Amino acid sequence: MAENLEQEFQTDDIQSVKDLQARYATNTAQIGQVEVELHLLKRRLVQIEELRTSLFTTYYDLQKEEKELVEKLNQKYGDGVLDLDSGRFIPSTQ
């Protein structure tokens, strides 16, 4: 007949195992939280990149609009400088 080899764990050994399990659980939860935060940050980065692209598109549109306005004003007034404060146009001397 086989001997019964069961023996009782000491309380401090059981506590060590429970502590290790708790630390694993805490660590796993923290990994999960970091992954969620990373996902949200990546999503926010995509939003920022889209905004950046839109802003640069607007910037280039403004440059084009500025060029067209300068050409229009040059045709109307000739070469010179506009003093925005006084509203006066000072023609260039040639």
Protein backbone atom coordinates (compact mmCIF):
# COMPACT_ATOMS: atom_id res chain seq x y z
CA MET A 1 0.00 0.00 0.00
CA ALA A 2 1.22 3.52 -0.83
CA GLU A 3 2.16 5.81 1.95
CA ASN A 4 0.29 9.06 2.38
CA LEU A 5 2.98 11.66 1.59
CA GLU A 6 0.75 14.65 2.19
CA GLN A 7 2.07 17.22 4.55
CA GLU A 8 0.85 20.57 5.67
CA PHE A 9 2.47 23.73 4.34
CA GLN A 10 3.77 26.10 6.92
CA THR A 11 1.81 29.32 7.28
CA ASP A 12 4.72 31.51 6.18
CA ASP A 13 5.19 29.43 3.01
CA ILE A 14 1.49 29.76 2.15
CA GLN A 15 1.73 33.50 2.75
CA SER A 16 4.79 33.71 0.45
CA VAL A 17 2.83 32.03 -2.35
CA LYS A 18 -0.18 34.30 -1.79
CA ASP A 19 2.08 37.39 -1.75
CA LEU A 20 3.69 36.31 -5.02
CA GLN A 21 0.25 35.76 -6.60
CA ALA A 22 -0.87 39.21 -5.44
CA ARG A 23 2.24 40.82 -6.89
CA TYR A 24 1.61 39.02 -10.21
CA ALA A 25 -1.99 40.26 -10.20
CA THR A 26 -0.91 43.84 -9.44
CA ASN A 27 1.78 43.73 -12.10
CA THR A 28 -0.61 42.30 -14.71
CA ALA A 29 -3.17 45.01 -13.93
CA GLN A 30 -0.46 47.67 -14.28
CA ILE A 31 0.62 46.23 -17.64
CA GLY A 32 -3.00 46.43 -18.76
CA GLN A 33 -3.29 50.05 -17.62
CA VAL A 34 -0.07 51.01 -19.39
CA GLU A 35 -1.32 49.35 -22.58
CA VAL A 36 -4.59 51.32 -22.40
CA GLU A 37 -2.69 54.56 -21.80
CA LEU A 38 -0.34 53.80 -24.70
CA HIS A 39 -3.29 53.09 -26.99
CA LEU A 40 -4.93 56.39 -26.01
CA LEU A 41 -1.68 58.28 -26.53
CA LYS A 42 -1.22 56.75 -29.99
CA ARG A 43 -4.79 57.67 -30.86
CA ARG A 44 -4.20 61.24 -29.66
CA LEU A 45 -0.98 61.40 -31.68
CA VAL A 46 -2.93 60.44 -34.81
CA GLN A 47 -5.40 63.24 -34.06
CA ILE A 48 -2.56 65.72 -33.59
CA GLU A 49 -0.92 64.61 -36.84
CA GLU A 50 -4.23 65.08 -38.67
CA LEU A 51 -4.58 68.56 -37.18
CA ARG A 52 -0.99 69.36 -38.13
CA THR A 53 -1.62 68.27 -41.71
CA SER A 54 -4.77 70.38 -41.86
CA LEU A 55 -2.98 73.41 -40.46
CA PHE A 56 -0.15 73.12 -42.99
CA THR A 57 -2.70 72.75 -45.80
CA THR A 58 -4.33 75.97 -44.60
CA TYR A 59 -0.89 77.61 -44.38
CA TYR A 60 -0.11 76.73 -48.00
CA ASP A 61 -3.56 77.94 -49.07
CA LEU A 62 -2.87 81.24 -47.32
CA GLN A 63 0.46 81.57 -49.13
CA LYS A 64 -1.30 81.03 -52.44
CA GLU A 65 -3.98 83.56 -51.50
CA GLU A 66 -1.28 86.06 -50.47
CA LYS A 67 0.52 85.63 -53.78
CA GLU A 68 -2.70 86.16 -55.74
CA LEU A 69 -3.55 89.27 -53.68
CA VAL A 70 -0.08 90.75 -54.18
CA GLU A 71 -0.34 90.17 -57.94
CA LYS A 72 -3.80 91.78 -58.01
CA LEU A 73 -2.66 94.80 -55.98
CA ASN A 74 0.49 95.17 -58.10
CA GLN A 75 -1.69 95.27 -61.23
CA LYS A 76 -3.97 97.85 -59.64
CA TYR A 77 -1.38 100.08 -57.93
CA GLY A 78 1.97 99.05 -59.36
CA ASP A 79 5.05 98.16 -57.36
CA GLY A 80 5.33 99.73 -53.95
CA VAL A 81 4.62 99.43 -50.27
CA LEU A 82 1.28 99.66 -48.51
CA ASP A 83 1.33 101.35 -45.10
CA LEU A 84 -1.52 99.51 -43.38
CA ASP A 85 -1.65 102.02 -40.50
CA SER A 86 -2.22 105.05 -42.72
CA GLY A 87 -3.82 103.24 -45.64
CA ARG A 88 -1.40 104.95 -48.02
CA PHE A 89 0.41 103.33 -50.91
CA ILE A 90 4.00 104.40 -51.50
CA PRO A 91 5.12 103.61 -55.04
CA SER A 92 8.57 102.16 -55.62
CA THR A 93 11.03 104.47 -57.31
CA GLN A 94 12.54 102.99 -60.44
